[in-house]
Every structure is written in structure tokens, then in C-alpha cells.
PDB file of N, CA and C in Angstrom:
ATOM      1  N   UNK A   1      30.393  57.594  21.612  1.00  0.00           N
ATOM      2  CA  UNK A   1      29.581  58.152  22.179  1.00  0.00           C
ATOM      3  C   UNK A   1      28.889  56.842  22.745  1.00  0.00           C
ATOM      4  N   UNK A   2      28.699  56.500  23.855  1.00  0.00           N
ATOM      5  CA  UNK A   2      27.583  55.530  24.333  1.00  0.00           C
ATOM      6  C   UNK A   2      26.756  55.408  25.567  1.00  0.00           C
ATOM      7  N   UNK A   3      26.077  55.306  25.199  1.00  0.00           N
ATOM      8  CA  UNK A   3      24.381  55.458  26.393  1.00  0.00           C
ATOM      9  C   UNK A   3      24.735  54.170  27.767  1.00  0.00           C
ATOM     10  N   UNK A   4      24.902  54.511  28.896  1.00  0.00           N
ATOM     11  CA  UNK A   4      25.260  53.278  29.644  1.00  0.00           C
ATOM     12  C   UNK A   4      24.003  53.960  30.938  1.00  0.00           C
ATOM     13  N   UNK A   5      23.028  53.288  30.848  1.00  0.00           N
ATOM     14  CA  UNK A   5      22.008  53.595  32.020  1.00  0.00           C
ATOM     15  C   UNK A   5      21.687  54.875  31.956  1.00  0.00           C
ATOM     16  N   UNK A   6      21.750  55.850  32.783  1.00  0.00           N
ATOM     17  CA  UNK A   6      21.395  56.905  32.996  1.00  0.00           C
ATOM     18  C   UNK A   6      22.178  57.943  32.401  1.00  0.00           C
ATOM     19  N   UNK A   7      23.729  57.594  32.125  1.00  0.00           N
ATOM     20  CA  UNK A   7      24.876  58.659  31.482  1.00  0.00           C
ATOM     21  C   UNK A   7      24.974  58.201  30.218  1.00  0.00           C
ATOM     22  N   UNK A   8      25.562  59.337  29.429  1.00  0.00           N
ATOM     23  CA  UNK A   8      26.122  59.228  28.139  1.00  0.00           C
ATOM     24  C   UNK A   8      27.529  59.394  28.290  1.00  0.00           C
ATOM     25  N   UNK A   9      28.331  58.539  27.986  1.00  0.00           N
ATOM     26  CA  UNK A   9      29.548  58.653  28.084  1.00  0.00           C
ATOM     27  C   UNK A   9      30.303  58.725  26.384  1.00  0.00           C
ATOM     28  N   UNK A  10      31.377  59.628  26.824  1.00  0.00           N
ATOM     29  CA  UNK A  10      31.670  60.312  25.536  1.00  0.00           C
ATOM     30  C   UNK A  10      33.268  60.253  25.648  1.00  0.00           C
ATOM     31  N   UNK A  11      34.113  59.854  24.459  1.00  0.00           N
ATOM     32  CA  UNK A  11      35.054  59.658  24.235  1.00  0.00           C
ATOM     33  C   UNK A  11      35.734  60.649  22.744  1.00  0.00           C
ATOM     34  N   UNK A  12      36.333  61.585  23.294  1.00  0.00           N
ATOM     35  CA  UNK A  12      36.978  62.384  21.942  1.00  0.00           C
ATOM     36  C   UNK A  12      38.267  63.051  22.299  1.00  0.00           C
ATOM     37  N   UNK A  13      38.794  63.852  21.408  1.00  0.00           N
ATOM     38  CA  UNK A  13      40.024  64.230  21.114  1.00  0.00           C
ATOM     39  C   UNK A  13      39.862  65.354  22.449  1.00  0.00           C
ATOM     40  N   UNK A  14      40.958  66.244  22.800  1.00  0.00           N
ATOM     41  CA  UNK A  14      40.715  67.056  23.901  1.00  0.00           C
ATOM     42  C   UNK A  14      40.171  68.187  23.849  1.00  0.00           C
ATOM     43  N   UNK A  15      39.183  68.268  24.620  1.00  0.00           N
ATOM     44  CA  UNK A  15      38.295  69.380  24.512  1.00  0.00           C
ATOM     45  C   UNK A  15      38.303  70.277  26.175  1.00  0.00           C
ATOM     46  N   UNK A  16      37.158  71.458  25.430  1.00  0.00           N
ATOM     47  CA  UNK A  16      37.226  72.143  27.028  1.00  0.00           C
ATOM     48  C   UNK A  16      36.176  72.360  27.518  1.00  0.00           C
ATOM     49  N   UNK A  17      35.134  71.752  26.701  1.00  0.00           N
ATOM     50  CA  UNK A  17      33.703  71.616  27.354  1.00  0.00           C
ATOM     51  C   UNK A  17      32.900  70.484  26.476  1.00  0.00           C
ATOM     52  N   UNK A  18      31.842  70.008  27.309  1.00  0.00           N
ATOM     53  CA  UNK A  18      30.961  68.891  26.722  1.00  0.00           C
ATOM     54  C   UNK A  18      29.720  69.218  26.799  1.00  0.00           C
ATOM     55  N   UNK A  19      28.707  69.611  26.056  1.00  0.00           N
ATOM     56  CA  UNK A  19      27.429  69.848  26.363  1.00  0.00           C
ATOM     57  C   UNK A  19      26.184  68.776  25.461  1.00  0.00           C
ATOM     58  N   UNK A  20      25.725  68.428  26.374  1.00  0.00           N
ATOM     59  CA  UNK A  20      24.258  67.580  25.919  1.00  0.00           C
ATOM     60  C   UNK A  20      23.225  68.385  26.166  1.00  0.00           C
ATOM     61  N   UNK A  21      22.307  68.681  25.405  1.00  0.00           N
ATOM     62  CA  UNK A  21      21.471  69.715  25.022  1.00  0.00           C
ATOM     63  C   UNK A  21      20.164  68.812  24.156  1.00  0.00           C
ATOM     64  N   UNK A  22      18.919  69.300  25.020  1.00  0.00           N
ATOM     65  CA  UNK A  22      17.739  68.764  24.577  1.00  0.00           C
ATOM     66  C   UNK A  22      16.935  70.107  24.396  1.00  0.00           C
ATOM     67  N   UNK A  23      15.652  70.000  24.683  1.00  0.00           N
ATOM     68  CA  UNK A  23      14.493  70.751  23.919  1.00  0.00           C
ATOM     69  C   UNK A  23      14.815  72.486  24.826  1.00  0.00           C
ATOM     70  N   UNK A  24      14.477  73.152  24.056  1.00  0.00           N
ATOM     71  CA  UNK A  24      14.632  74.381  24.785  1.00  0.00           C
ATOM     72  C   UNK A  24      16.034  74.782  25.305  1.00  0.00           C
ATOM     73  N   UNK A  25      15.916  75.135  26.563  1.00  0.00           N
ATOM     74  CA  UNK A  25      17.312  75.407  27.136  1.00  0.00           C
ATOM     75  C   UNK A  25      17.716  74.428  27.977  1.00  0.00           C
ATOM     76  N   UNK A  26      17.072  73.367  27.834  1.00  0.00           N
ATOM     77  CA  UNK A  26      17.641  72.448  28.874  1.00  0.00           C
ATOM     78  C   UNK A  26      19.064  71.470  28.325  1.00  0.00           C
ATOM     79  N   UNK A  27      19.911  71.499  29.217  1.00  0.00           N
ATOM     80  CA  UNK A  27      21.444  71.102  29.024  1.00  0.00           C
ATOM     81  C   UNK A  27      21.963  70.600  30.206  1.00  0.00           C
ATOM     82  N   UNK A  28      22.835  69.612  29.960  1.00  0.00           N
ATOM     83  CA  UNK A  28      23.880  69.219  30.737  1.00  0.00           C
ATOM     84  C   UNK A  28      25.145  69.338  30.431  1.00  0.00           C
ATOM     85  N   UNK A  29      26.183  69.770  30.974  1.00  0.00           N
ATOM     86  CA  UNK A  29      27.566  69.752  30.498  1.00  0.00           C
ATOM     87  C   UNK A  29      28.545  69.811  31.692  1.00  0.00           C
ATOM     88  N   UNK A  30      29.943  69.600  31.055  1.00  0.00           N
ATOM     89  CA  UNK A  30      31.197  68.976  31.811  1.00  0.00           C
ATOM     90  C   UNK A  30      32.328  70.233  31.041  1.00  0.00           C
ATOM     91  N   UNK A  31      32.658  70.633  31.884  1.00  0.00           N
ATOM     92  CA  UNK A  31      34.172  71.495  31.635  1.00  0.00           C
ATOM     93  C   UNK A  31      35.308  71.170  32.399  1.00  0.00           C
ATOM     94  N   UNK A  32      36.144  71.569  31.542  1.00  0.00           N
ATOM     95  CA  UNK A  32      37.563  70.974  31.860  1.00  0.00           C
ATOM     96  C   UNK A  32      38.528  71.443  31.046  1.00  0.00           C
ATOM     97  N   UNK A  33      40.002  71.172  31.495  1.00  0.00           N
ATOM     98  CA  UNK A  33      41.260  71.263  30.571  1.00  0.00           C
ATOM     99  C   UNK A  33      41.432  70.310  29.727  1.00  0.00           C
ATOM    100  N   UNK A  34      41.641  69.835  28.550  1.00  0.00           N
ATOM    101  CA  UNK A  34      42.208  68.762  27.857  1.00  0.00           C
ATOM    102  C   UNK A  34      41.498  67.712  28.039  1.00  0.00           C
ATOM    103  N   UNK A  35      40.005  67.921  28.317  1.00  0.00           N
ATOM    104  CA  UNK A  35      39.189  66.576  28.656  1.00  0.00           C
ATOM    105  C   UNK A  35      39.168  65.678  27.471  1.00  0.00           C
ATOM    106  N   UNK A  36      39.318  64.353  27.401  1.00  0.00           N
ATOM    107  CA  UNK A  36      39.250  63.382  26.333  1.00  0.00           C
ATOM    108  C   UNK A  36      38.152  62.426  26.812  1.00  0.00           C
ATOM    109  N   UNK A  37      37.440  62.471  27.876  1.00  0.00           N
ATOM    110  CA  UNK A  37      36.261  61.513  28.315  1.00  0.00           C
ATOM    111  C   UNK A  37      35.502  62.417  29.269  1.00  0.00           C
ATOM    112  N   UNK A  38      34.122  62.113  29.013  1.00  0.00           N
ATOM    113  CA  UNK A  38      33.132  63.136  30.058  1.00  0.00           C
ATOM    114  C   UNK A  38      31.899  62.054  30.056  1.00  0.00           C
ATOM    115  N   UNK A  39      30.981  62.050  31.189  1.00  0.00           N
ATOM    116  CA  UNK A  39      30.224  61.560  31.481  1.00  0.00           C
ATOM    117  C   UNK A  39      28.981  62.444  31.866  1.00  0.00           C
ATOM    118  N   UNK A  40      28.262  62.498  31.172  1.00  0.00           N
ATOM    119  CA  UNK A  40      26.735  63.304  31.392  1.00  0.00           C
ATOM    120  C   UNK A  40      25.543  62.643  31.545  1.00  0.00           C
ATOM    121  N   UNK A  41      24.704  63.075  32.611  1.00  0.00           N
ATOM    122  CA  UNK A  41      23.423  62.417  32.923  1.00  0.00           C
ATOM    123  C   UNK A  41      22.465  62.837  31.875  1.00  0.00           C
ATOM    124  N   UNK A  42      21.578  61.866  31.384  1.00  0.00           N
ATOM    125  CA  UNK A  42      20.337  62.237  30.459  1.00  0.00           C
ATOM    126  C   UNK A  42      19.270  62.583  31.365  1.00  0.00           C
ATOM    127  N   UNK A  43      19.142  62.156  32.667  1.00  0.00           N
ATOM    128  CA  UNK A  43      17.983  62.678  33.538  1.00  0.00           C
ATOM    129  C   UNK A  43      17.555  64.106  32.986  1.00  0.00           C
ATOM    130  N   UNK A  44      16.286  64.080  33.005  1.00  0.00           N
ATOM    131  CA  UNK A  44      15.921  65.484  32.605  1.00  0.00           C
ATOM    132  C   UNK A  44      15.390  65.802  30.910  1.00  0.00           C
ATOM    133  N   UNK A  45      16.458  65.091  30.310  1.00  0.00           N
ATOM    134  CA  UNK A  45      16.346  65.369  29.026  1.00  0.00           C
ATOM    135  C   UNK A  45      16.003  64.301  28.104  1.00  0.00           C
ATOM    136  N   UNK A  46      15.373  63.117  28.645  1.00  0.00           N
ATOM    137  CA  UNK A  46      14.296  62.224  28.045  1.00  0.00           C
ATOM    138  C   UNK A  46      13.423  62.576  27.294  1.00  0.00           C
ATOM    139  N   UNK A  47      12.979  61.861  26.307  1.00  0.00           N
ATOM    140  CA  UNK A  47      11.811  62.447  25.536  1.00  0.00           C
ATOM    141  C   UNK A  47      11.721  63.615  24.413  1.00  0.00           C
ATOM    142  N   UNK A  48      12.923  64.128  24.535  1.00  0.00           N
ATOM    143  CA  UNK A  48      13.571  65.170  23.568  1.00  0.00           C
ATOM    144  C   UNK A  48      14.556  64.607  22.703  1.00  0.00           C
ATOM    145  N   UNK A  49      14.472  65.378  21.668  1.00  0.00           N
ATOM    146  CA  UNK A  49      15.874  64.802  20.773  1.00  0.00           C
ATOM    147  C   UNK A  49      17.012  65.470  21.040  1.00  0.00           C
ATOM    148  N   UNK A  50      17.985  64.908  21.366  1.00  0.00           N
ATOM    149  CA  UNK A  50      19.349  65.563  22.018  1.00  0.00           C
ATOM    150  C   UNK A  50      20.569  65.777  20.882  1.00  0.00           C
ATOM    151  N   UNK A  51      21.274  66.664  21.622  1.00  0.00           N
ATOM    152  CA  UNK A  51      22.492  66.740  20.652  1.00  0.00           C
ATOM    153  C   UNK A  51      23.871  67.366  21.606  1.00  0.00           C
ATOM    154  N   UNK A  52      24.995  66.331  21.059  1.00  0.00           N
ATOM    155  CA  UNK A  52      26.081  66.339  21.967  1.00  0.00           C
ATOM    156  C   UNK A  52      27.092  67.228  21.255  1.00  0.00           C
ATOM    157  N   UNK A  53      27.361  68.307  21.642  1.00  0.00           N
ATOM    158  CA  UNK A  53      28.538  69.083  21.227  1.00  0.00           C
ATOM    159  C   UNK A  53      29.692  69.230  21.978  1.00  0.00           C
ATOM    160  N   UNK A  54      31.209  69.182  21.058  1.00  0.00           N
ATOM    161  CA  UNK A  54      32.175  69.542  22.284  1.00  0.00           C
ATOM    162  C   UNK A  54      32.868  70.505  21.688  1.00  0.00           C
ATOM    163  N   UNK A  55      33.689  71.393  22.316  1.00  0.00           N
ATOM    164  CA  UNK A  55      34.369  72.902  22.076  1.00  0.00           C
ATOM    165  C   UNK A  55      35.732  72.737  22.685  1.00  0.00           C
ATOM    166  N   UNK A  56      36.663  72.573  21.878  1.00  0.00           N
ATOM    167  CA  UNK A  56      37.981  72.948  22.143  1.00  0.00           C
ATOM    168  C   UNK A  56      38.483  74.300  22.515  1.00  0.00           C
ATOM    169  N   UNK A  57      39.810  74.306  23.371  1.00  0.00           N
ATOM    170  CA  UNK A  57      40.092  75.348  23.929  1.00  0.00           C
ATOM    171  C   UNK A  57      40.171  76.661  22.940  1.00  0.00           C
ATOM    172  N   UNK A  58      40.312  76.448  21.492  1.00  0.00           N
ATOM    173  CA  UNK A  58      40.325  77.437  20.769  1.00  0.00           C
ATOM    174  C   UNK A  58      38.726  78.017  20.046  1.00  0.00           C
ATOM    175  N   UNK A  59      37.774  77.263  20.963  1.00  0.00           N
ATOM    176  CA  UNK A  59      36.601  77.777  20.216  1.00  0.00           C
ATOM    177  C   UNK A  59      35.782  76.834  19.330  1.00  0.00           C
ATOM    178  N   UNK A  60      36.878  75.812  18.822  1.00  0.00           N
ATOM    179  CA  UNK A  60      36.312  75.032  17.738  1.00  0.00           C
ATOM    180  C   UNK A  60      34.967  74.164  18.188  1.00  0.00           C
ATOM    181  N   UNK A  61      34.200  73.998  17.159  1.00  0.00           N
ATOM    182  CA  UNK A  61      32.894  73.027  17.652  1.00  0.00           C
ATOM    183  C   UNK A  61      32.683  71.831  16.927  1.00  0.00           C
ATOM    184  N   UNK A  62      32.348  70.756  17.336  1.00  0.00           N
ATOM    185  CA  UNK A  62      31.577  69.522  17.061  1.00  0.00           C
ATOM    186  C   UNK A  62      30.838  69.331  17.355  1.00  0.00           C
ATOM    187  N   UNK A  63      29.529  68.602  16.522  1.00  0.00           N
ATOM    188  CA  UNK A  63      28.131  68.438  17.348  1.00  0.00           C
ATOM    189  C   UNK A  63      27.785  67.008  16.546  1.00  0.00           C
ATOM    190  N   UNK A  64      26.976  66.219  17.191  1.00  0.00           N
ATOM    191  CA  UNK A  64      26.452  65.273  16.678  1.00  0.00           C
ATOM    192  C   UNK A  64      24.638  65.531  15.768  1.00  0.00           C
ATOM    193  N   UNK A  65      24.153  64.587  15.013  1.00  0.00           N
ATOM    194  CA  UNK A  65      22.783  65.063  14.819  1.00  0.00           C
ATOM    195  C   UNK A  65      21.893  64.464  16.062  1.00  0.00           C
ATOM    196  N   UNK A  66      21.091  65.290  15.572  1.00  0.00           N
ATOM    197  CA  UNK A  66      19.884  65.059  16.769  1.00  0.00           C
ATOM    198  C   UNK A  66      19.581  63.543  16.818  1.00  0.00           C
ATOM    199  N   UNK A  67      19.531  62.748  18.311  1.00  0.00           N
ATOM    200  CA  UNK A  67      19.113  61.604  18.575  1.00  0.00           C
ATOM    201  C   UNK A  67      18.262  61.585  19.721  1.00  0.00           C
ATOM    202  N   UNK A  68      17.681  60.624  19.884  1.00  0.00           N
ATOM    203  CA  UNK A  68      16.887  59.967  21.131  1.00  0.00           C
ATOM    204  C   UNK A  68      17.398  59.093  21.886  1.00  0.00           C
ATOM    205  N   UNK A  69      17.056  59.101  23.347  1.00  0.00           N
ATOM    206  CA  UNK A  69      17.543  58.360  24.181  1.00  0.00           C
ATOM    207  C   UNK A  69      16.253  57.414  24.831  1.00  0.00           C
TER     208      UNK A  69
END
């Protein structure tokens, strides 16, 4: 993953959903079939610790440790 201005760009193995979550119920997400790249806005999530979560078609999840932008 890489921060590119106001967006977090992600490259991963094929997934169905990518979530960028912040404090409380604030989150940005992208859904698709077999995605290997995603671009998520960080607007509205700054100032809180963020976590990136990816979910594949079988429901398996992977996530990052919390980080700040």
C-alpha cells in the first residue's frame, strides 16, 4: 500500500472487498470481483488511526496494524 496525496493505493492478491476504516463507524470501501488493486480516499478519516482490511471471495480476511496518515 502507498499513500498518494488524498488516496491510499493498494496492491494485493485477488479480493472481493477492500476497507479503509477509521475511528468509530467511519470507513471507505471498494468492492469488485478478483480485484488486485484499489484506490481509497482518506478524506474524512485523517486524525484517527486507520486500518486496511481485504476480504477475498471465500470470506478470508487480512488486515494491517493501525497506522496514521
